[in-house]
Amino acid sequence: MSAPVFITAASISAELHQAMMEARGLALTAKNARALAVRAGSRTVGFRAITDFIEELASAIIQQSQAINNDAEHLSNQAVSAWRSDMANERFHWVRAQNSTHADSISGRILACEQRSGSLNQELQHGLRRLIDQLEESRKHIRTANLIATSSHVEASSAGDFRGQLEVIADNIRETAERIGGHLNRANALLSQNHRERKAAC
C-alpha cells in the first residue's frame, strides 16, 4: 500500500535537486548583474538593490529545497516502515485464515500490527501534507522572482548603454524562475496525487 511513496519521494528529490541547481544559477546571475550595475554607475542604483534581493531569494529557495528534500527522505523511511508493517499484517491474517487452530495465539500480534500500521500510515498522511505546504511556500518565492524580473526590466530601461545587457539579465532571471517553478510544480503535483490516493485508500 505504501510502496508508491518510495517512488514519489525519489521523484520529488530529483525535481528539488534540479530546482536547487537552477537557484544556484540564479544567485550567480545576481552576482553578475551587480558587477554590471556597479560599472554602469548611478543610473542603475535601483537595479543593484534588486540584485541583492535576487541573491537572498535564491538562497532562500536553495535552503528550503534542501529542507524539503530532507523531509522527503524522512517520509520515504517512514513509508518503508509502514510498508513492512502492512506486509506483516497481511501475513498474520493469511496464517489465521489458513489455520484457525492458532487464531487465538496470534490475535494479539494481529491487533498490535494493525495498530502500528494505522499509526504509521497516519504519520505518512501528516508528512505528505507538510511537504505540500512547504512546496507551496517555495512556489510563492517563484511568484516573487517573476515580479522582480519585471522590475528589473523597468530599471534596465534607464541604464543607457548598459540597457541591453541588463535586459538580458532580467530575461535570464524570469526564465530561470520559470524553470524552478516548473520543477516545484511537478514535485507538488506528484505529492498531491499521492496524498489524494492515500486518503482515498484509507
Protein backbone atom coordinates (compact mmCIF):
# COMPACT_ATOMS: atom_id res chain seq x y z
CA MET A 1 0.00 0.00 0.00
CA SER A 2 2.78 2.44 0.95
CA ALA A 3 5.24 1.38 -1.76
CA PRO A 4 4.33 4.20 -4.20
CA VAL A 5 5.59 6.73 -1.63
CA PHE A 6 9.14 5.48 -2.28
CA ILE A 7 8.81 6.37 -5.95
CA THR A 8 7.12 9.68 -5.15
CA ALA A 9 9.84 10.68 -2.69
CA ALA A 10 12.59 9.81 -5.19
CA SER A 11 10.86 11.76 -7.97
CA ILE A 12 10.36 14.77 -5.69
CA SER A 13 14.03 14.67 -4.69
CA ALA A 14 15.03 14.70 -8.35
CA GLU A 15 12.84 17.73 -9.07
CA LEU A 16 14.12 19.57 -5.99
CA HIS A 17 17.72 18.83 -6.93
CA GLN A 18 17.14 20.46 -10.31
CA ALA A 19 15.41 23.41 -8.61
CA MET A 20 18.47 23.88 -6.36
CA MET A 21 20.80 23.79 -9.35
CA GLU A 22 18.71 26.46 -11.08
CA ALA A 23 18.62 28.55 -7.88
CA ARG A 24 22.42 28.45 -7.69
CA GLY A 25 22.48 29.70 -11.27
CA LEU A 26 20.08 32.47 -10.25
CA ALA A 27 22.45 33.52 -7.45
CA LEU A 28 25.32 33.65 -9.95
CA THR A 29 23.18 35.75 -12.30
CA ALA A 30 22.56 38.18 -9.44
CA LYS A 31 26.30 38.50 -8.77
CA ASN A 32 26.99 39.20 -12.44
CA ALA A 33 24.16 41.72 -12.52
CA ARG A 34 25.56 43.54 -9.51
CA ALA A 35 29.01 43.75 -11.06
CA LEU A 36 27.49 45.18 -14.24
CA ALA A 37 25.33 47.62 -12.29
CA VAL A 38 28.39 48.92 -10.43
CA ARG A 39 30.10 49.59 -13.76
CA ALA A 40 27.00 51.38 -15.01
CA GLY A 41 27.12 53.78 -12.06
CA SER A 42 24.33 55.92 -10.61
CA ARG A 43 21.87 55.09 -13.40
CA THR A 44 21.45 51.55 -12.04
CA VAL A 45 21.13 52.13 -8.29
CA GLY A 46 17.67 50.55 -8.37
CA PHE A 47 18.97 47.55 -10.28
CA ARG A 48 21.70 46.98 -7.68
CA ALA A 49 19.06 46.86 -4.94
CA ILE A 50 17.13 44.31 -6.96
CA THR A 51 20.19 42.07 -7.37
CA ASP A 52 20.64 41.96 -3.59
CA PHE A 53 17.05 40.79 -3.27
CA ILE A 54 17.53 38.18 -6.01
CA GLU A 55 20.54 36.72 -4.17
CA GLU A 56 18.55 36.50 -0.95
CA LEU A 57 15.68 34.88 -2.81
CA ALA A 58 17.96 32.33 -4.48
CA SER A 59 19.49 31.48 -1.12
CA ALA A 60 16.01 31.02 0.40
CA ILE A 61 14.98 28.71 -2.46
CA ILE A 62 18.14 26.61 -2.03
CA GLN A 63 17.71 26.31 1.74
CA GLN A 64 14.02 25.48 1.51
CA SER A 65 14.60 22.93 -1.25
CA GLN A 66 17.24 21.23 0.91
CA ALA A 67 14.88 21.20 3.90
CA ILE A 68 12.02 19.75 1.83
CA ASN A 69 14.40 17.17 0.39
CA ASN A 70 15.40 16.08 3.91
CA ASP A 71 11.73 15.78 4.85
CA ALA A 72 11.06 13.76 1.68
CA GLU A 73 13.88 11.38 2.65
CA HIS A 74 12.39 11.01 6.15
CA LEU A 75 8.98 10.39 4.59
CA SER A 76 10.50 7.67 2.41
CA ASN A 77 11.93 5.96 5.50
CA GLN A 78 8.52 6.16 7.18
CA ALA A 79 6.98 4.63 4.08
CA VAL A 80 9.40 1.68 4.33
CA SER A 81 8.31 1.07 7.93
CA ALA A 82 4.62 1.37 7.02
CA TRP A 83 5.04 -0.99 4.05
CA ARG A 84 6.79 -3.61 6.23
CA SER A 85 4.08 -3.30 8.85
CA ASP A 86 1.36 -3.70 6.20
CA MET A 87 3.11 -6.80 4.83
CA ALA A 88 3.43 -8.32 8.31
CA ASN A 89 -0.24 -7.62 8.93
CA GLU A 90 -1.23 -9.35 5.69
CA ARG A 91 0.88 -12.40 6.58
CA PHE A 92 -0.69 -12.69 10.05
CA HIS A 93 -4.16 -12.55 8.52
CA TRP A 94 -3.18 -15.18 5.96
CA VAL A 95 -1.85 -17.50 8.69
CA ARG A 96 -5.06 -17.09 10.71
CA ALA A 97 -7.19 -17.79 7.65
CA GLN A 98 -5.17 -20.91 6.79
CA ASN A 99 -5.06 -22.37 10.30
CA SER A 100 -7.84 -21.41 12.67
CA THR A 101 -6.27 -23.60 15.40
CA HIS A 102 -3.66 -20.91 16.06
CA ALA A 103 -6.03 -17.96 15.60
CA ASP A 104 -6.19 -17.14 19.31
CA SER A 105 -2.42 -17.26 19.75
CA ILE A 106 -1.77 -14.65 17.06
CA SER A 107 -4.78 -12.40 17.64
CA GLY A 108 -2.75 -10.18 19.96
CA ARG A 109 0.00 -9.81 17.39
CA ILE A 110 -2.51 -9.02 14.67
CA LEU A 111 -4.07 -6.30 16.80
CA ALA A 112 -0.67 -4.79 17.64
CA CYS A 113 0.36 -4.94 13.98
CA GLU A 114 -2.87 -3.28 12.83
CA GLN A 115 -2.42 -0.50 15.38
CA ARG A 116 1.17 0.07 14.27
CA SER A 117 0.15 0.10 10.59
CA GLY A 118 -2.62 2.60 11.33
CA SER A 119 -0.25 4.84 13.28
CA LEU A 120 2.47 4.74 10.61
CA ASN A 121 0.03 5.41 7.79
CA GLN A 122 -1.42 8.35 9.72
CA GLU A 123 2.10 9.74 10.14
CA LEU A 124 2.61 9.38 6.39
CA GLN A 125 -0.55 11.37 5.74
CA HIS A 126 0.65 14.18 8.01
CA GLY A 127 4.09 14.07 6.40
CA LEU A 128 2.64 14.34 2.91
CA ARG A 129 0.50 17.31 4.00
CA ARG A 130 3.55 19.08 5.48
CA LEU A 131 5.53 18.61 2.26
CA ILE A 132 2.66 20.01 0.19
CA ASP A 133 2.57 23.12 2.43
CA GLN A 134 6.35 23.54 2.18
CA LEU A 135 6.30 23.27 -1.59
CA GLU A 136 3.59 25.91 -1.75
CA GLU A 137 5.85 28.27 0.23
CA SER A 138 8.65 27.69 -2.29
CA ARG A 139 6.27 28.41 -5.15
CA LYS A 140 5.49 31.77 -3.55
CA HIS A 141 9.19 32.61 -3.88
CA ILE A 142 8.95 31.95 -7.60
CA ARG A 143 5.99 34.28 -7.97
CA THR A 144 8.12 36.92 -6.23
CA ALA A 145 11.00 36.21 -8.61
CA ASN A 146 8.74 36.84 -11.60
CA LEU A 147 7.76 40.21 -10.15
CA ILE A 148 11.44 41.00 -9.64
CA ALA A 149 12.16 40.17 -13.28
CA THR A 150 9.52 42.70 -14.34
CA SER A 151 11.02 45.34 -12.03
CA SER A 152 14.47 44.53 -13.44
CA HIS A 153 13.25 45.35 -16.94
CA VAL A 154 11.90 48.69 -15.74
CA GLU A 155 15.19 49.56 -14.02
CA ALA A 156 17.23 48.45 -17.05
CA SER A 157 15.37 50.90 -19.28
CA SER A 158 17.19 53.83 -17.67
CA ALA A 159 20.67 52.31 -17.79
CA GLY A 160 21.79 53.96 -21.05
CA ASP A 161 24.48 51.94 -22.84
CA PHE A 162 24.07 49.12 -20.34
CA ARG A 163 20.36 48.70 -21.01
CA GLY A 164 20.71 45.78 -23.42
CA GLN A 165 22.95 43.77 -21.09
CA LEU A 166 20.73 44.40 -18.08
CA GLU A 167 17.63 43.43 -20.05
CA VAL A 168 19.29 40.13 -20.94
CA ILE A 169 19.92 39.57 -17.23
CA ALA A 170 16.29 40.44 -16.44
CA ASP A 171 15.13 37.89 -19.04
CA ASN A 172 17.52 35.34 -17.55
CA ILE A 173 16.01 35.92 -14.11
CA ARG A 174 12.49 35.36 -15.45
CA GLU A 175 13.43 32.25 -17.44
CA THR A 176 15.32 30.72 -14.50
CA ALA A 177 12.40 31.45 -12.17
CA GLU A 178 10.06 29.74 -14.64
CA ARG A 179 12.28 26.65 -14.77
CA ILE A 180 12.47 26.48 -10.96
CA GLY A 181 8.70 26.94 -10.84
CA GLY A 182 8.29 24.06 -13.29
CA HIS A 183 10.32 21.72 -11.06
CA LEU A 184 8.39 22.78 -7.96
CA ASN A 185 5.04 22.40 -9.75
CA ARG A 186 5.92 18.89 -10.88
CA ALA A 187 7.05 17.96 -7.37
CA ASN A 188 3.84 19.38 -5.95
CA ALA A 189 1.69 17.50 -8.50
CA LEU A 190 3.39 14.21 -7.62
CA LEU A 191 2.94 14.82 -3.94
CA SER A 192 -0.67 15.99 -4.17
CA GLN A 193 -1.63 12.97 -6.29
CA ASN A 194 -0.03 10.57 -3.83
CA HIS A 195 -1.70 12.35 -0.90
CA ARG A 196 -5.14 12.11 -2.56
CA GLU A 197 -4.66 8.43 -3.42
CA ARG A 198 -3.65 7.57 0.12
CA LYS A 199 -6.60 9.47 1.60
CA ALA A 200 -8.96 7.65 -0.76
CA ALA A 201 -7.46 4.31 0.22
CA CYS A 202 -7.85 4.95 3.96
